[in-house]
C-alpha cells in the first residue's frame, strides 16, 4: 500500500513536511500545493517558494501544476525538471 500526503491550504508547507518526515515519517509521497499558472504575473511567489525550497527534506515531494495555457504549463514543467523533479502531475 502506498501512503500519500496531499496538501491542505495554509498548513502543509515545507516546514510541516520536514517536521512530519523527521518525527513520524512513513509517507511514500508528499504532494505540494498546486502552482496556479493563470498568467505569468499572477503566479503567487509563496507557491513557488514552497516548491523550489532547497530546505525541502521530504524524500518524495511532488509539485503539482494547474493552468489552462499550454505554454505556461510547459515552461514551468521544464523549470521544475531543471530543478530536479522527475514527476509532475498536471
Protein backbone atom coordinates (compact mmCIF):
# COMPACT_ATOMS: atom_id res chain seq x y z
CA UNK A 1 0.00 0.00 0.00
CA UNK A 2 1.24 3.48 -0.89
CA UNK A 3 0.60 6.26 1.62
CA UNK A 4 0.41 9.78 0.14
CA UNK A 5 0.10 13.17 1.80
CA UNK A 6 -1.99 15.75 -0.03
CA UNK A 7 -1.73 19.48 0.64
CA UNK A 8 -4.02 21.41 2.97
CA UNK A 9 -4.07 25.13 2.19
CA UNK A 10 -2.05 27.13 4.67
CA UNK A 11 -0.96 24.09 6.69
CA UNK A 12 1.18 21.63 4.76
CA UNK A 13 4.07 23.82 3.70
CA UNK A 14 7.75 22.88 3.57
CA UNK A 15 8.10 23.26 7.38
CA UNK A 16 5.19 20.87 8.00
CA UNK A 17 6.53 18.29 5.54
CA UNK A 18 10.02 18.41 7.03
CA UNK A 19 8.73 18.06 10.61
CA UNK A 20 6.35 15.27 9.68
CA UNK A 21 9.11 13.37 7.89
CA UNK A 22 11.55 13.88 10.79
CA UNK A 23 9.15 12.93 13.59
CA UNK A 24 6.86 10.30 12.06
CA UNK A 25 7.97 9.52 8.52
CA UNK A 26 6.12 6.73 6.77
CA UNK A 27 4.77 8.83 3.89
CA UNK A 28 5.63 7.41 0.47
CA UNK A 29 4.83 10.58 -1.47
CA UNK A 30 4.20 14.17 -0.41
CA UNK A 31 2.20 16.25 -2.89
CA UNK A 32 2.72 20.00 -2.87
CA UNK A 33 0.08 22.64 -3.36
CA UNK A 34 -0.94 23.44 -6.91
CA UNK A 35 1.11 26.08 -8.66
CA UNK A 36 -1.62 28.06 -10.43
CA UNK A 37 -0.47 29.28 -13.82
CA UNK A 38 -3.22 31.67 -14.92
CA UNK A 39 -0.75 34.25 -16.23
CA UNK A 40 2.96 34.92 -15.64
CA UNK A 41 2.13 37.91 -13.43
CA UNK A 42 -0.45 36.12 -11.26
CA UNK A 43 1.59 33.14 -10.03
CA UNK A 44 1.98 33.56 -6.28
CA UNK A 45 5.57 33.78 -5.11
CA UNK A 46 4.66 31.80 -1.97
CA UNK A 47 3.64 28.82 -4.13
CA UNK A 48 6.94 28.94 -5.98
CA UNK A 49 8.97 29.49 -2.81
CA UNK A 50 7.45 26.39 -1.18
CA UNK A 51 8.02 24.19 -4.23
CA UNK A 52 11.53 25.38 -5.06
CA UNK A 53 12.72 25.38 -1.45
CA UNK A 54 16.17 23.84 -1.08
CA UNK A 55 15.32 23.05 2.55
CA UNK A 56 12.65 20.55 1.46
CA UNK A 57 13.76 17.30 3.12
CA UNK A 58 10.76 15.17 2.14
CA UNK A 59 12.34 12.41 0.03
CA UNK A 60 9.46 12.15 -2.44
CA UNK A 61 7.99 15.62 -2.79
CA UNK A 62 5.89 16.08 -5.93
CA UNK A 63 4.83 19.54 -7.14
CA UNK A 64 1.52 19.98 -8.98
CA UNK A 65 0.65 22.36 -11.82
CA UNK A 66 -2.74 23.84 -12.61
CA UNK A 67 -3.47 26.04 -15.60
CA UNK A 68 -5.21 26.38 -18.93
CA UNK A 69 -2.38 27.76 -21.06
CA UNK A 70 -0.12 25.08 -22.50
CA UNK A 71 2.84 27.41 -22.94
CA UNK A 72 2.84 28.34 -19.23
CA UNK A 73 2.48 24.68 -18.17
CA UNK A 74 5.35 23.58 -20.42
CA UNK A 75 7.58 26.45 -19.30
CA UNK A 76 7.02 25.71 -15.60
CA UNK A 77 7.38 21.93 -16.10
CA UNK A 78 10.77 22.49 -17.77
CA UNK A 79 11.83 24.72 -14.88
CA UNK A 80 10.77 22.08 -12.34
CA UNK A 81 12.62 19.40 -14.31
CA UNK A 82 15.80 21.52 -14.31
CA UNK A 83 15.41 21.89 -10.53
CA UNK A 84 15.43 18.09 -10.22
CA UNK A 85 11.80 16.98 -10.21
CA UNK A 86 11.04 13.97 -12.40
CA UNK A 87 7.27 13.51 -11.94
CA UNK A 88 4.88 16.46 -12.31
CA UNK A 89 1.12 15.85 -12.34
CA UNK A 90 -0.93 18.45 -14.16
